Amino acid sequence: MSMATILIRYRVRPDRLAEHLTLLDAVYAELAKLGPPGFRYLTLRLDDGHSFIDVAMGPELPGPLAVLASFRSYRADLEERCEQRDVAEFTVRGSYGMGE
């Protein structure tokens, strides 16, 4: 089964960082409660503290994210919280210990 993959890079405005982290934590809490099979979601926070990389993988995207109330809240004003945002689809060329 092939996996759809997407990578999102963004930088959060310093004055919106605490709000962003709270909303992001709610998404992960709801995903943990739902436990969607075959779906993977990873958020990396870079060393500057305001830049993030999200990676979503699943049989279909956006997968379960679209139905999560927490994700709808997270996305509601994401563009306003971010100074910069880039989205890219990609193919995994190689992986060790990161799933299929």
Protein backbone atom coordinates (compact mmCIF):
# COMPACT_ATOMS: atom_id res chain seq x y z
CA MET A 1 0.00 0.00 0.00
CA SER A 2 1.47 3.33 -0.97
CA MET A 3 1.47 6.21 1.45
CA ALA A 4 0.61 9.80 0.60
CA THR A 5 3.09 12.17 2.20
CA ILE A 6 3.16 15.90 2.81
CA LEU A 7 5.67 18.22 4.46
CA ILE A 8 4.75 21.65 5.81
CA ARG A 9 7.41 24.15 6.92
CA TYR A 10 6.35 27.23 8.82
CA ARG A 11 7.50 29.91 11.21
CA VAL A 12 5.14 31.09 13.96
CA ARG A 13 4.99 34.74 14.99
CA PRO A 14 6.66 35.12 18.41
CA ASP A 15 3.57 36.71 19.96
CA ARG A 16 1.41 33.73 18.86
CA LEU A 17 3.78 30.90 19.88
CA ALA A 18 2.10 29.93 23.18
CA GLU A 19 -1.31 29.81 21.48
CA HIS A 20 0.12 27.75 18.62
CA LEU A 21 1.67 25.18 20.96
CA THR A 22 -1.58 24.80 22.90
CA LEU A 23 -3.55 24.21 19.69
CA LEU A 24 -0.95 21.75 18.39
CA ASP A 25 -0.95 19.80 21.67
CA ALA A 26 -4.74 19.47 21.39
CA VAL A 27 -4.36 17.93 17.90
CA TYR A 28 -1.92 15.32 19.22
CA ALA A 29 -4.16 14.55 22.21
CA GLU A 30 -7.16 13.98 19.93
CA LEU A 31 -5.11 11.83 17.53
CA ALA A 32 -3.93 9.71 20.47
CA LYS A 33 -7.53 9.26 21.61
CA LEU A 34 -8.78 8.40 18.10
CA GLY A 35 -5.82 6.15 17.16
CA PRO A 36 -6.34 6.26 13.39
CA PRO A 37 -4.80 3.16 11.76
CA GLY A 38 -2.14 3.73 9.10
CA PHE A 39 -1.88 7.47 9.78
CA ARG A 40 1.36 9.13 10.90
CA TYR A 41 1.88 12.73 11.93
CA LEU A 42 5.12 14.29 13.15
CA THR A 43 5.94 17.84 14.22
CA LEU A 44 9.54 18.99 14.56
CA ARG A 45 10.35 22.24 16.36
CA LEU A 46 13.59 23.73 15.04
CA ASP A 47 16.34 25.32 17.15
CA ASP A 48 15.09 28.89 16.72
CA GLY A 49 11.98 27.87 18.70
CA HIS A 50 9.55 29.43 16.20
CA SER A 51 10.08 27.26 13.10
CA PHE A 52 8.32 23.94 12.66
CA ILE A 53 8.13 21.08 10.18
CA ASP A 54 5.02 18.89 10.06
CA VAL A 55 5.05 15.59 8.21
CA ALA A 56 1.81 13.71 7.56
CA MET A 57 1.69 10.23 6.05
CA GLY A 58 -1.21 7.95 5.36
CA PRO A 59 -3.14 5.99 2.78
CA GLU A 60 -5.00 9.21 1.96
CA LEU A 61 -4.42 12.76 3.14
CA PRO A 62 -5.57 14.76 5.01
CA GLY A 63 -6.67 11.48 6.55
CA PRO A 64 -8.32 11.81 9.95
CA LEU A 65 -7.16 15.41 10.41
CA ALA A 66 -10.13 16.84 8.54
CA VAL A 67 -12.62 15.39 11.02
CA LEU A 68 -10.81 16.43 14.22
CA ALA A 69 -12.34 19.41 16.03
CA SER A 70 -8.88 20.21 17.42
CA PHE A 71 -7.37 20.31 13.92
CA ARG A 72 -10.12 22.61 12.65
CA SER A 73 -9.32 24.96 15.56
CA TYR A 74 -5.60 24.66 14.82
CA ARG A 75 -6.10 25.49 11.12
CA ALA A 76 -8.67 28.26 11.69
CA ASP A 77 -6.13 31.08 11.92
CA LEU A 78 -2.87 29.31 11.08
CA GLU A 79 -2.07 31.76 8.29
CA GLU A 80 -2.34 34.66 10.76
CA ARG A 81 -0.14 32.88 13.34
CA CYS A 82 2.60 32.23 10.78
CA GLU A 83 5.18 34.57 9.31
CA GLN A 84 6.02 32.04 6.60
CA ARG A 85 4.50 28.78 5.39
CA ASP A 86 5.46 26.32 2.63
CA VAL A 87 3.79 23.03 1.70
CA ALA A 88 5.40 20.27 -0.34
CA GLU A 89 4.48 16.73 -1.29
CA PHE A 90 7.34 14.26 -1.32
CA THR A 91 8.26 10.63 -1.77
CA VAL A 92 10.27 8.79 0.86
CA ARG A 93 13.47 7.63 -0.85
CA GLY A 94 14.82 5.75 2.12
CA SER A 95 13.99 5.27 5.76
CA TYR A 96 15.45 3.43 8.69
CA GLY A 97 13.26 2.94 11.75
CA MET A 98 10.71 5.54 10.65
CA GLY A 99 7.91 3.16 9.66
CA GLU A 100 7.21 1.49 6.34
